Amino acid sequence: MTEKKETVGSASRRLQMQSSNDTAEDLQKGMQESSGEDSYENQVRTCVERGCRTYDSDFYVVVIFKKEKLMQNVIRQYFFPRVSCPTPDWDQTVYFFNRTSCTLEFVWTVPDKNICEYMTSPGFIPGPEEFELCRMVRDFHDGTLLIKSKKLNKESHDSNIIQK
Protein backbone atom coordinates (compact mmCIF):
# COMPACT_ATOMS: atom_id res chain seq x y z
CA MET A 1 0.00 0.00 0.00
CA THR A 2 1.40 3.40 -0.91
CA GLU A 3 1.65 6.04 1.76
CA LYS A 4 -0.31 9.21 0.95
CA LYS A 5 2.00 12.25 0.84
CA GLU A 6 0.93 15.52 2.41
CA THR A 7 0.40 18.27 -0.17
CA VAL A 8 2.44 21.46 -0.04
CA GLY A 9 -0.71 23.47 0.70
CA SER A 10 -1.69 21.22 3.62
CA ALA A 11 1.81 21.33 5.08
CA SER A 12 1.95 25.10 4.67
CA ARG A 13 -1.36 25.56 6.46
CA ARG A 14 -0.38 23.16 9.26
CA LEU A 15 2.93 24.97 9.81
CA GLN A 16 1.25 28.38 9.75
CA MET A 17 -1.08 27.24 12.48
CA GLN A 18 1.83 25.92 14.57
CA SER A 19 4.07 28.97 14.44
CA SER A 20 4.23 32.25 12.63
CA ASN A 21 7.59 33.21 14.11
CA ASP A 22 9.90 31.37 11.72
CA THR A 23 13.19 33.16 11.22
CA ALA A 24 15.61 32.93 8.34
CA GLU A 25 17.69 30.60 10.54
CA ASP A 26 14.70 28.27 10.96
CA LEU A 27 14.19 28.16 7.20
CA GLN A 28 17.88 27.47 6.62
CA LYS A 29 17.87 24.63 9.17
CA GLY A 30 14.83 23.13 7.47
CA MET A 31 16.59 23.18 4.10
CA GLN A 32 19.73 21.60 5.57
CA GLU A 33 17.73 18.83 7.24
CA SER A 34 16.20 17.64 3.98
CA SER A 35 17.92 14.56 2.66
CA GLY A 36 17.90 12.18 -0.26
CA GLU A 37 16.78 13.36 -3.67
CA ASP A 38 15.37 16.60 -2.28
CA SER A 39 18.53 17.75 -0.49
CA TYR A 40 20.09 21.01 -1.61
CA GLU A 41 23.40 19.31 -2.37
CA ASN A 42 21.73 16.65 -4.49
CA GLN A 43 19.76 19.26 -6.43
CA VAL A 44 23.00 21.17 -7.16
CA ARG A 45 24.67 17.91 -8.23
CA THR A 46 21.73 17.09 -10.53
CA CYS A 47 21.92 20.58 -12.03
CA VAL A 48 25.67 20.15 -12.68
CA GLU A 49 24.94 16.84 -14.44
CA ARG A 50 22.27 18.55 -16.55
CA GLY A 51 24.72 21.36 -17.38
CA CYS A 52 27.39 18.85 -18.42
CA ARG A 53 24.93 17.21 -20.82
CA THR A 54 23.81 20.58 -22.19
CA TYR A 55 27.08 22.55 -22.51
CA ASP A 56 30.53 21.64 -23.84
CA SER A 57 32.14 24.51 -21.94
CA ASP A 58 32.32 25.84 -18.38
CA PHE A 59 28.99 27.03 -16.99
CA TYR A 60 27.25 28.54 -13.99
CA VAL A 61 24.72 26.91 -11.69
CA VAL A 62 22.11 29.37 -10.45
CA VAL A 63 19.82 28.71 -7.51
CA ILE A 64 16.84 31.01 -7.09
CA PHE A 65 14.64 31.03 -4.01
CA LYS A 66 11.01 32.06 -4.47
CA LYS A 67 8.34 32.51 -1.80
CA GLU A 68 4.90 31.37 -2.82
CA LYS A 69 2.54 34.34 -2.92
CA LEU A 70 -0.35 32.55 -1.24
CA MET A 71 1.75 30.38 1.08
CA GLN A 72 4.38 32.70 2.57
CA ASN A 73 6.05 29.90 4.53
CA VAL A 74 6.70 27.89 1.33
CA ILE A 75 10.00 28.62 -0.38
CA ARG A 76 10.72 26.93 -3.69
CA GLN A 77 14.22 26.48 -5.01
CA TYR A 78 14.92 26.54 -8.73
CA PHE A 79 18.24 25.14 -9.99
CA PHE A 80 19.42 25.76 -13.54
CA PRO A 81 22.68 25.80 -15.48
CA ARG A 82 23.64 28.64 -17.82
CA VAL A 83 26.71 29.64 -19.81
CA SER A 84 26.90 33.27 -18.69
CA CYS A 85 27.16 34.61 -15.18
CA PRO A 86 23.78 36.06 -14.16
CA THR A 87 23.14 39.60 -13.03
CA PRO A 88 23.15 39.60 -9.21
CA ASP A 89 19.69 39.65 -7.65
CA TRP A 90 17.95 38.99 -4.34
CA ASP A 91 17.29 35.36 -3.38
CA GLN A 92 20.08 34.04 -5.59
CA THR A 93 23.09 31.77 -5.19
CA VAL A 94 25.62 31.26 -7.99
CA TYR A 95 28.29 28.60 -8.55
CA PHE A 96 30.82 28.19 -11.37
CA PHE A 97 31.51 24.73 -12.81
CA ASN A 98 34.94 24.28 -14.40
CA ARG A 99 34.79 21.37 -16.85
CA THR A 100 38.56 20.95 -17.09
CA SER A 101 39.09 20.40 -13.37
CA CYS A 102 35.55 19.10 -12.79
CA THR A 103 35.19 21.47 -9.83
CA LEU A 104 32.29 23.54 -8.55
CA GLU A 105 33.24 26.93 -7.14
CA PHE A 106 30.95 29.09 -5.01
CA VAL A 107 30.65 32.59 -6.54
CA TRP A 108 28.10 34.45 -4.37
CA THR A 109 24.84 34.36 -2.53
CA VAL A 110 22.41 37.22 -2.00
CA PRO A 111 19.63 36.67 0.54
CA ASP A 112 16.14 38.15 0.27
CA LYS A 113 15.50 41.89 0.31
CA ASN A 114 14.47 42.02 3.99
CA ILE A 115 17.62 40.26 5.17
CA CYS A 116 19.78 42.50 2.95
CA GLU A 117 18.13 45.62 4.40
CA TYR A 118 18.56 44.29 7.93
CA MET A 119 22.25 43.46 7.37
CA THR A 120 22.97 46.91 5.93
CA SER A 121 21.00 48.85 8.56
CA PRO A 122 22.87 51.16 10.93
CA GLY A 123 23.71 49.42 14.15
CA PHE A 124 23.73 45.89 12.74
CA ILE A 125 26.79 44.11 14.10
CA PRO A 126 27.43 40.75 12.41
CA GLY A 127 28.64 37.76 14.33
CA PRO A 128 31.71 35.89 13.08
CA GLU A 129 29.55 33.42 11.13
CA GLU A 130 27.84 36.32 9.30
CA PHE A 131 30.93 38.25 8.11
CA GLU A 132 31.14 36.61 4.69
CA LEU A 133 27.41 36.95 4.01
CA CYS A 134 27.52 40.62 5.11
CA ARG A 135 30.40 41.22 2.71
CA MET A 136 28.37 39.73 -0.17
CA VAL A 137 25.33 41.83 0.79
CA ARG A 138 27.50 44.99 0.81
CA ASP A 139 29.05 43.96 -2.52
CA PHE A 140 25.54 43.51 -3.94
CA HIS A 141 24.39 46.92 -2.72
CA ASP A 142 27.45 48.86 -3.85
CA GLY A 143 27.60 47.24 -7.30
CA THR A 144 30.72 45.14 -6.73
CA LEU A 145 28.87 41.91 -7.59
CA LEU A 146 27.52 43.49 -10.79
CA ILE A 147 31.05 44.47 -11.80
CA LYS A 148 32.22 40.93 -10.98
CA SER A 149 29.42 39.48 -13.13
CA LYS A 150 30.32 41.74 -16.05
CA LYS A 151 34.01 40.84 -15.67
CA LEU A 152 33.21 37.12 -15.69
CA ASN A 153 31.10 37.67 -18.84
CA LYS A 154 33.90 39.78 -20.40
CA GLU A 155 31.55 42.79 -20.65
CA SER A 156 32.48 46.43 -20.28
CA HIS A 157 32.01 47.67 -16.70
CA ASP A 158 30.47 50.96 -17.79
CA SER A 159 28.14 49.58 -20.47
CA ASN A 160 25.09 50.85 -18.57
CA ILE A 161 26.39 54.40 -18.21
CA ILE A 162 24.94 56.82 -20.71
CA GLN A 163 27.25 59.71 -21.50
CA LYS A 164 25.74 63.11 -22.26
C-alpha atoms as a PDB file:
ATOM      1  CA  MET A   1       0.000   0.000   0.000  1.00  0.00           C
ATOM      2  CA  THR A   2       1.401   3.405  -0.907  1.00  0.00           C
ATOM      3  CA  GLU A   3       1.653   6.037   1.759  1.00  0.00           C
ATOM      4  CA  LYS A   4      -0.311   9.210   0.952  1.00  0.00           C
ATOM      5  CA  LYS A   5       1.996  12.251   0.839  1.00  0.00           C
ATOM      6  CA  GLU A   6       0.927  15.517   2.411  1.00  0.00           C
ATOM      7  CA  THR A   7       0.402  18.271  -0.172  1.00  0.00           C
ATOM      8  CA  VAL A   8       2.438  21.465  -0.043  1.00  0.00           C
ATOM      9  CA  GLY A   9      -0.706  23.469   0.704  1.00  0.00           C
ATOM     10  CA  SER A  10      -1.685  21.217   3.615  1.00  0.00           C
ATOM     11  CA  ALA A  11       1.810  21.326   5.076  1.00  0.00           C
ATOM     12  CA  SER A  12       1.950  25.103   4.667  1.00  0.00           C
ATOM     13  CA  ARG A  13      -1.363  25.559   6.462  1.00  0.00           C
ATOM     14  CA  ARG A  14      -0.377  23.164   9.262  1.00  0.00           C
ATOM     15  CA  LEU A  15       2.931  24.973   9.807  1.00  0.00           C
ATOM     16  CA  GLN A  16       1.250  28.381   9.751  1.00  0.00           C
ATOM     17  CA  MET A  17      -1.082  27.243  12.480  1.00  0.00           C
ATOM     18  CA  GLN A  18       1.828  25.917  14.574  1.00  0.00           C
ATOM     19  CA  SER A  19       4.072  28.967  14.443  1.00  0.00           C
ATOM     20  CA  SER A  20       4.225  32.247  12.628  1.00  0.00           C
ATOM     21  CA  ASN A  21       7.585  33.212  14.114  1.00  0.00           C
ATOM     22  CA  ASP A  22       9.897  31.365  11.724  1.00  0.00           C
ATOM     23  CA  THR A  23      13.186  33.155  11.222  1.00  0.00           C
ATOM     24  CA  ALA A  24      15.608  32.931   8.344  1.00  0.00           C
ATOM     25  CA  GLU A  25      17.694  30.604  10.541  1.00  0.00           C
ATOM     26  CA  ASP A  26      14.700  28.269  10.964  1.00  0.00           C
ATOM     27  CA  LEU A  27      14.187  28.157   7.199  1.00  0.00           C
ATOM     28  CA  GLN A  28      17.884  27.471   6.624  1.00  0.00           C
ATOM     29  CA  LYS A  29      17.866  24.627   9.168  1.00  0.00           C
ATOM     30  CA  GLY A  30      14.825  23.134   7.468  1.00  0.00           C
ATOM     31  CA  MET A  31      16.594  23.175   4.097  1.00  0.00           C
ATOM     32  CA  GLN A  32      19.727  21.602   5.572  1.00  0.00           C
ATOM     33  CA  GLU A  33      17.730  18.829   7.242  1.00  0.00           C
ATOM     34  CA  SER A  34      16.204  17.642   3.978  1.00  0.00           C
ATOM     35  CA  SER A  35      17.922  14.560   2.658  1.00  0.00           C
ATOM     36  CA  GLY A  36      17.898  12.182  -0.257  1.00  0.00           C
ATOM     37  CA  GLU A  37      16.785  13.361  -3.668  1.00  0.00           C
ATOM     38  CA  ASP A  38      15.370  16.598  -2.280  1.00  0.00           C
ATOM     39  CA  SER A  39      18.534  17.745  -0.494  1.00  0.00           C
ATOM     40  CA  TYR A  40      20.089  21.008  -1.610  1.00  0.00           C
ATOM     41  CA  GLU A  41      23.397  19.315  -2.369  1.00  0.00           C
ATOM     42  CA  ASN A  42      21.735  16.647  -4.492  1.00  0.00           C
ATOM     43  CA  GLN A  43      19.763  19.260  -6.429  1.00  0.00           C
ATOM     44  CA  VAL A  44      22.998  21.168  -7.162  1.00  0.00           C
ATOM     45  CA  ARG A  45      24.671  17.907  -8.232  1.00  0.00           C
ATOM     46  CA  THR A  46      21.727  17.093 -10.534  1.00  0.00           C
ATOM     47  CA  CYS A  47      21.916  20.577 -12.029  1.00  0.00           C
ATOM     48  CA  VAL A  48      25.666  20.151 -12.681  1.00  0.00           C
ATOM     49  CA  GLU A  49      24.943  16.840 -14.443  1.00  0.00           C
ATOM     50  CA  ARG A  50      22.265  18.550 -16.550  1.00  0.00           C
ATOM     51  CA  GLY A  51      24.718  21.364 -17.378  1.00  0.00           C
ATOM     52  CA  CYS A  52      27.390  18.851 -18.417  1.00  0.00           C
ATOM     53  CA  ARG A  53      24.926  17.210 -20.820  1.00  0.00           C
ATOM     54  CA  THR A  54      23.809  20.583 -22.195  1.00  0.00           C
ATOM     55  CA  TYR A  55      27.077  22.550 -22.513  1.00  0.00           C
ATOM     56  CA  ASP A  56      30.529  21.642 -23.839  1.00  0.00           C
ATOM     57  CA  SER A  57      32.139  24.511 -21.936  1.00  0.00           C
ATOM     58  CA  ASP A  58      32.323  25.839 -18.384  1.00  0.00           C
ATOM     59  CA  PHE A  59      28.995  27.033 -16.992  1.00  0.00           C
ATOM     60  CA  TYR A  60      27.246  28.536 -13.989  1.00  0.00           C
ATOM     61  CA  VAL A  61      24.724  26.913 -11.687  1.00  0.00           C
ATOM     62  CA  VAL A  62      22.115  29.372 -10.451  1.00  0.00           C
ATOM     63  CA  VAL A  63      19.818  28.714  -7.510  1.00  0.00           C
ATOM     64  CA  ILE A  64      16.843  31.009  -7.089  1.00  0.00           C
ATOM     65  CA  PHE A  65      14.637  31.029  -4.011  1.00  0.00           C
ATOM     66  CA  LYS A  66      11.010  32.058  -4.468  1.00  0.00           C
ATOM     67  CA  LYS A  67       8.345  32.508  -1.804  1.00  0.00           C
ATOM     68  CA  GLU A  68       4.901  31.370  -2.823  1.00  0.00           C
ATOM     69  CA  LYS A  69       2.536  34.343  -2.924  1.00  0.00           C
ATOM     70  CA  LEU A  70      -0.352  32.549  -1.240  1.00  0.00           C
ATOM     71  CA  MET A  71       1.755  30.376   1.083  1.00  0.00           C
ATOM     72  CA  GLN A  72       4.376  32.700   2.572  1.00  0.00           C
ATOM     73  CA  ASN A  73       6.054  29.897   4.525  1.00  0.00           C
ATOM     74  CA  VAL A  74       6.701  27.888   1.331  1.00  0.00           C
ATOM     75  CA  ILE A  75       9.996  28.622  -0.383  1.00  0.00           C
ATOM     76  CA  ARG A  76      10.717  26.927  -3.685  1.00  0.00           C
ATOM     77  CA  GLN A  77      14.223  26.483  -5.005  1.00  0.00           C
ATOM     78  CA  TYR A  78      14.924  26.542  -8.727  1.00  0.00           C
ATOM     79  CA  PHE A  79      18.243  25.135  -9.989  1.00  0.00           C
ATOM     80  CA  PHE A  80      19.421  25.755 -13.538  1.00  0.00           C
ATOM     81  CA  PRO A  81      22.681  25.804 -15.479  1.00  0.00           C
ATOM     82  CA  ARG A  82      23.641  28.644 -17.824  1.00  0.00           C
ATOM     83  CA  VAL A  83      26.715  29.644 -19.812  1.00  0.00           C
ATOM     84  CA  SER A  84      26.901  33.274 -18.694  1.00  0.00           C
ATOM     85  CA  CYS A  85      27.161  34.614 -15.181  1.00  0.00           C
ATOM     86  CA  PRO A  86      23.780  36.056 -14.158  1.00  0.00           C
ATOM     87  CA  THR A  87      23.137  39.601 -13.028  1.00  0.00           C
ATOM     88  CA  PRO A  88      23.154  39.603  -9.209  1.00  0.00           C
ATOM     89  CA  ASP A  89      19.692  39.647  -7.648  1.00  0.00           C
ATOM     90  CA  TRP A  90      17.952  38.993  -4.341  1.00  0.00           C
ATOM     91  CA  ASP A  91      17.287  35.363  -3.382  1.00  0.00           C
ATOM     92  CA  GLN A  92      20.077  34.040  -5.590  1.00  0.00           C
ATOM     93  CA  THR A  93      23.093  31.770  -5.195  1.00  0.00           C
ATOM     94  CA  VAL A  94      25.618  31.263  -7.993  1.00  0.00           C
ATOM     95  CA  TYR A  95      28.294  28.597  -8.553  1.00  0.00           C
ATOM     96  CA  PHE A  96      30.823  28.194 -11.372  1.00  0.00           C
ATOM     97  CA  PHE A  97      31.507  24.732 -12.806  1.00  0.00           C
ATOM     98  CA  ASN A  98      34.939  24.279 -14.399  1.00  0.00           C
ATOM     99  CA  ARG A  99      34.786  21.372 -16.851  1.00  0.00           C
ATOM    100  CA  THR A 100      38.560  20.947 -17.091  1.00  0.00           C
ATOM    101  CA  SER A 101      39.092  20.396 -13.375  1.00  0.00           C
ATOM    102  CA  CYS A 102      35.552  19.102 -12.789  1.00  0.00           C
ATOM    103  CA  THR A 103      35.189  21.475  -9.831  1.00  0.00           C
ATOM    104  CA  LEU A 104      32.289  23.538  -8.549  1.00  0.00           C
ATOM    105  CA  GLU A 105      33.242  26.934  -7.144  1.00  0.00           C
ATOM    106  CA  PHE A 106      30.954  29.086  -5.007  1.00  0.00           C
ATOM    107  CA  VAL A 107      30.651  32.589  -6.535  1.00  0.00           C
ATOM    108  CA  TRP A 108      28.104  34.452  -4.368  1.00  0.00           C
ATOM    109  CA  THR A 109      24.839  34.364  -2.525  1.00  0.00           C
ATOM    110  CA  VAL A 110      22.411  37.225  -2.000  1.00  0.00           C
ATOM    111  CA  PRO A 111      19.626  36.673   0.542  1.00  0.00           C
ATOM    112  CA  ASP A 112      16.139  38.146   0.271  1.00  0.00           C
ATOM    113  CA  LYS A 113      15.504  41.888   0.309  1.00  0.00           C
ATOM    114  CA  ASN A 114      14.474  42.018   3.986  1.00  0.00           C
ATOM    115  CA  ILE A 115      17.616  40.256   5.172  1.00  0.00           C
ATOM    116  CA  CYS A 116      19.778  42.500   2.952  1.00  0.00           C
ATOM    117  CA  GLU A 117      18.129  45.615   4.399  1.00  0.00           C
ATOM    118  CA  TYR A 118      18.562  44.293   7.932  1.00  0.00           C
ATOM    119  CA  MET A 119      22.250  43.459   7.374  1.00  0.00           C
ATOM    120  CA  THR A 120      22.968  46.913   5.934  1.00  0.00           C
ATOM    121  CA  SER A 121      21.005  48.849   8.560  1.00  0.00           C
ATOM    122  CA  PRO A 122      22.871  51.163  10.929  1.00  0.00           C
ATOM    123  CA  GLY A 123      23.712  49.422  14.149  1.00  0.00           C
ATOM    124  CA  PHE A 124      23.732  45.886  12.739  1.00  0.00           C
ATOM    125  CA  ILE A 125      26.793  44.106  14.097  1.00  0.00           C
ATOM    126  CA  PRO A 126      27.432  40.754  12.411  1.00  0.00           C
ATOM    127  CA  GLY A 127      28.636  37.756  14.333  1.00  0.00           C
ATOM    128  CA  PRO A 128      31.713  35.892  13.081  1.00  0.00           C
ATOM    129  CA  GLU A 129      29.547  33.425  11.134  1.00  0.00           C
ATOM    130  CA  GLU A 130      27.845  36.321   9.298  1.00  0.00           C
ATOM    131  CA  PHE A 131      30.926  38.248   8.108  1.00  0.00           C
ATOM    132  CA  GLU A 132      31.143  36.610   4.687  1.00  0.00           C
ATOM    133  CA  LEU A 133      27.413  36.955   4.007  1.00  0.00           C
ATOM    134  CA  CYS A 134      27.518  40.617   5.111  1.00  0.00           C
ATOM    135  CA  ARG A 135      30.401  41.220   2.706  1.00  0.00           C
ATOM    136  CA  MET A 136      28.370  39.729  -0.166  1.00  0.00           C
ATOM    137  CA  VAL A 137      25.334  41.831   0.791  1.00  0.00           C
ATOM    138  CA  ARG A 138      27.499  44.986   0.809  1.00  0.00           C
ATOM    139  CA  ASP A 139      29.045  43.958  -2.520  1.00  0.00           C
ATOM    140  CA  PHE A 140      25.542  43.508  -3.938  1.00  0.00           C
ATOM    141  CA  HIS A 141      24.391  46.924  -2.722  1.00  0.00           C
ATOM    142  CA  ASP A 142      27.454  48.863  -3.845  1.00  0.00           C
ATOM    143  CA  GLY A 143      27.601  47.237  -7.304  1.00  0.00           C
ATOM    144  CA  THR A 144      30.725  45.140  -6.730  1.00  0.00           C
ATOM    145  CA  LEU A 145      28.873  41.910  -7.594  1.00  0.00           C
ATOM    146  CA  LEU A 146      27.515  43.490 -10.788  1.00  0.00           C
ATOM    147  CA  ILE A 147      31.050  44.473 -11.798  1.00  0.00           C
ATOM    148  CA  LYS A 148      32.223  40.925 -10.984  1.00  0.00           C
ATOM    149  CA  SER A 149      29.416  39.481 -13.128  1.00  0.00           C
ATOM    150  CA  LYS A 150      30.322  41.745 -16.051  1.00  0.00           C
ATOM    151  CA  LYS A 151      34.008  40.839 -15.675  1.00  0.00           C
ATOM    152  CA  LEU A 152      33.208  37.120 -15.689  1.00  0.00           C
ATOM    153  CA  ASN A 153      31.104  37.672 -18.836  1.00  0.00           C
ATOM    154  CA  LYS A 154      33.895  39.781 -20.397  1.00  0.00           C
ATOM    155  CA  GLU A 155      31.551  42.787 -20.653  1.00  0.00           C
ATOM    156  CA  SER A 156      32.485  46.434 -20.277  1.00  0.00           C
ATOM    157  CA  HIS A 157      32.008  47.665 -16.699  1.00  0.00           C
ATOM    158  CA  ASP A 158      30.471  50.958 -17.790  1.00  0.00           C
ATOM    159  CA  SER A 159      28.144  49.575 -20.473  1.00  0.00           C
ATOM    160  CA  ASN A 160      25.092  50.855 -18.567  1.00  0.00           C
ATOM    161  CA  ILE A 161      26.387  54.401 -18.209  1.00  0.00           C
ATOM    162  CA  ILE A 162      24.942  56.822 -20.712  1.00  0.00           C
ATOM    163  CA  GLN A 163      27.254  59.707 -21.495  1.00  0.00           C
ATOM    164  CA  LYS A 164      25.738  63.112 -22.258  1.00  0.00           C
END
